[in-house]
């Protein structure tokens, strides 16, 4: 099984503010869709809640939501109470499981990860409250750096694919 983490972060590593993504880069949304479609996607409950209702559940993906609330349920989502259960459920579906946030889930999942699919956003947001995990360079190597590009919205971004050093 491959465990991949996917996120977009600003220059300071912020991934969110007020339970929203504080930028609009349609190209990153397209990449997210391309990389995750057909695979189980693990997310925390707050990440699930942050998705616009028209996108819940994420189509063509098994949506696995980690929550401490044993009573929580939502149409189109499989609720589990810890990351290990989420990884087991995801592995039953596919050889690649994608973790899509948020901050707490990324921190728990990083030790299990084989791949990181990162979008660097070339700006610094105000009042961030969620951050990507720190990626120790001794543990990870860049496999592909797609170079800086400019979004149709005018925001600079780049994709980097990292693999765990073995």
Protein backbone atom coordinates (compact mmCIF):
# COMPACT_ATOMS: atom_id res chain seq x y z
CA UNK A 1 0.00 0.00 0.00
CA UNK A 2 1.15 3.51 -0.81
CA UNK A 3 0.13 6.33 1.52
CA UNK A 4 0.27 9.75 -0.11
CA UNK A 5 -0.36 13.09 1.59
CA UNK A 6 -1.58 15.96 -0.55
CA UNK A 7 -1.70 19.63 0.41
CA UNK A 8 -1.21 23.19 -0.75
CA UNK A 9 0.61 25.60 1.57
CA UNK A 10 1.70 29.22 1.54
CA UNK A 11 5.31 30.36 2.07
CA UNK A 12 4.96 29.88 5.85
CA UNK A 13 3.43 26.40 5.56
CA UNK A 14 -0.14 27.58 6.23
CA UNK A 15 -2.84 25.42 4.73
CA UNK A 16 -5.88 27.22 6.06
CA UNK A 17 -7.56 30.01 7.95
CA UNK A 18 -11.04 29.87 9.47
CA UNK A 19 -11.59 26.33 8.16
CA UNK A 20 -11.18 27.51 4.58
CA UNK A 21 -8.46 27.52 1.96
CA UNK A 22 -7.53 31.22 1.75
CA UNK A 23 -6.59 31.30 -1.94
CA UNK A 24 -8.12 30.22 -5.22
CA UNK A 25 -5.87 28.29 -7.60
CA UNK A 26 -8.08 26.31 -9.99
CA UNK A 27 -5.07 24.46 -11.41
CA UNK A 28 -4.35 23.03 -7.93
CA UNK A 29 -7.98 21.96 -7.56
CA UNK A 30 -7.70 20.18 -10.92
CA UNK A 31 -4.49 18.44 -9.83
CA UNK A 32 -6.12 17.37 -6.56
CA UNK A 33 -9.00 15.87 -8.51
CA UNK A 34 -6.67 14.08 -10.96
CA UNK A 35 -4.43 12.61 -8.24
CA UNK A 36 -7.21 11.51 -5.88
CA UNK A 37 -9.98 10.30 -8.19
CA UNK A 38 -10.39 6.55 -7.94
CA UNK A 39 -8.55 6.32 -4.61
CA UNK A 40 -9.77 6.36 -1.01
CA UNK A 41 -9.33 9.81 0.52
CA UNK A 42 -8.81 10.18 4.27
CA UNK A 43 -9.68 13.46 5.94
CA UNK A 44 -10.57 14.81 9.34
CA UNK A 45 -14.11 15.83 10.17
CA UNK A 46 -13.29 19.55 10.06
CA UNK A 47 -11.86 19.10 6.56
CA UNK A 48 -15.05 17.28 5.57
CA UNK A 49 -17.09 20.16 7.04
CA UNK A 50 -15.00 22.69 5.10
CA UNK A 51 -15.92 21.12 1.75
CA UNK A 52 -18.76 22.96 0.02
CA UNK A 53 -21.89 20.79 0.33
CA UNK A 54 -22.04 20.31 -3.47
CA UNK A 55 -18.65 18.56 -3.28
CA UNK A 56 -19.51 16.27 -0.35
CA UNK A 57 -18.78 13.48 -0.74
CA UNK A 58 -15.86 13.93 -3.11
CA UNK A 59 -17.07 12.10 -6.22
CA UNK A 60 -15.43 8.90 -7.46
CA UNK A 61 -13.48 8.49 -4.22
CA UNK A 62 -14.18 6.57 -1.03
CA UNK A 63 -14.43 9.39 1.53
CA UNK A 64 -13.07 8.21 4.89
CA UNK A 65 -13.56 10.70 7.72
CA UNK A 66 -11.64 10.48 10.99
CA UNK A 67 -13.65 11.81 13.92
CA UNK A 68 -13.63 11.40 17.68
CA UNK A 69 -17.44 11.55 17.69
CA UNK A 70 -18.66 7.94 17.58
CA UNK A 71 -22.15 9.17 16.63
CA UNK A 72 -21.05 11.23 13.61
CA UNK A 73 -22.21 10.15 10.18
CA UNK A 74 -22.73 11.72 6.78
CA UNK A 75 -24.08 10.45 3.50
CA UNK A 76 -21.25 9.23 1.31
CA UNK A 77 -18.66 9.07 4.09
CA UNK A 78 -17.24 6.21 6.11
CA UNK A 79 -16.61 7.40 9.66
CA UNK A 80 -13.72 5.96 11.68
CA UNK A 81 -12.32 7.00 15.04
CA UNK A 82 -8.58 6.86 14.35
CA UNK A 83 -6.06 7.04 11.55
CA UNK A 84 -5.08 3.37 11.76
CA UNK A 85 -8.70 2.35 11.12
CA UNK A 86 -8.85 4.80 8.21
CA UNK A 87 -5.70 3.31 6.68
CA UNK A 88 -7.10 -0.22 7.06
CA UNK A 89 -10.40 0.75 5.41
CA UNK A 90 -8.56 2.59 2.64
CA UNK A 91 -6.18 -0.29 2.02
CA UNK A 92 -9.12 -2.66 1.59
CA UNK A 93 -10.21 -0.48 -1.36
CA UNK A 94 -6.99 0.34 -3.18
CA UNK A 95 -3.21 0.17 -3.19
CA UNK A 96 -2.95 3.98 -2.92
CA UNK A 97 -4.58 5.86 -0.06
CA UNK A 98 -4.54 9.65 -0.10
CA UNK A 99 -4.62 11.80 3.05
CA UNK A 100 -6.11 15.23 2.37
CA UNK A 101 -6.04 16.98 5.74
CA UNK A 102 -6.28 18.74 7.96
CA UNK A 103 -3.36 19.64 10.16
CA UNK A 104 -3.93 17.00 12.86
CA UNK A 105 -4.52 14.21 10.35
CA UNK A 106 -1.40 15.17 8.38
CA UNK A 107 0.69 15.05 11.55
CA UNK A 108 -0.64 11.59 12.39
CA UNK A 109 -0.25 10.31 8.83
CA UNK A 110 3.24 11.64 8.02
CA UNK A 111 5.06 8.68 9.69
CA UNK A 112 3.02 6.31 7.47
CA UNK A 113 3.52 8.29 4.26
CA UNK A 114 5.44 7.11 1.22
CA UNK A 115 4.71 10.13 -1.00
CA UNK A 116 3.96 13.83 -0.58
CA UNK A 117 2.17 15.77 -3.29
CA UNK A 118 2.71 19.41 -2.38
CA UNK A 119 1.59 22.63 -4.01
CA UNK A 120 3.63 25.64 -2.90
CA UNK A 121 1.55 28.81 -3.03
CA UNK A 122 3.70 31.92 -3.50
CA UNK A 123 1.99 34.16 -0.97
CA UNK A 124 1.64 34.59 2.78
CA UNK A 125 -1.89 34.59 4.19
CA UNK A 126 -3.15 36.64 7.11
CA UNK A 127 -4.29 34.88 10.29
CA UNK A 128 -3.45 31.27 9.41
CA UNK A 129 -4.71 28.65 11.85
CA UNK A 130 -3.75 25.37 10.16
CA UNK A 131 -0.33 24.28 8.93
CA UNK A 132 1.22 21.52 6.87
CA UNK A 133 3.55 19.20 8.75
CA UNK A 134 7.26 19.88 8.81
CA UNK A 135 8.98 17.72 6.21
CA UNK A 136 12.46 16.66 7.41
CA UNK A 137 14.81 16.85 4.40
CA UNK A 138 16.77 13.85 5.71
CA UNK A 139 13.65 11.70 5.31
CA UNK A 140 12.35 13.01 1.96
CA UNK A 141 13.68 13.63 -1.51
CA UNK A 142 12.13 15.63 -4.32
CA UNK A 143 11.23 13.34 -7.19
CA UNK A 144 9.70 16.01 -9.41
CA UNK A 145 9.65 19.80 -9.18
CA UNK A 146 7.22 21.03 -11.80
CA UNK A 147 8.54 24.60 -11.61
CA UNK A 148 6.80 27.85 -10.84
CA UNK A 149 3.67 28.65 -12.80
CA UNK A 150 1.08 31.42 -12.66
CA UNK A 151 -2.56 30.55 -12.07
CA UNK A 152 -5.36 32.05 -14.11
CA UNK A 153 -6.12 33.95 -10.88
CA UNK A 154 -2.63 35.53 -10.94
CA UNK A 155 -1.21 33.54 -8.00
CA UNK A 156 2.19 31.86 -8.49
CA UNK A 157 2.39 28.19 -7.50
CA UNK A 158 4.45 25.07 -8.09
CA UNK A 159 3.93 21.35 -7.64
CA UNK A 160 6.51 19.18 -5.91
CA UNK A 161 6.34 15.41 -5.58
CA UNK A 162 8.42 13.94 -2.77
CA UNK A 163 9.25 10.34 -1.90
CA UNK A 164 10.39 8.96 1.43
CA UNK A 165 14.06 8.05 1.43
CA UNK A 166 14.48 4.31 2.05
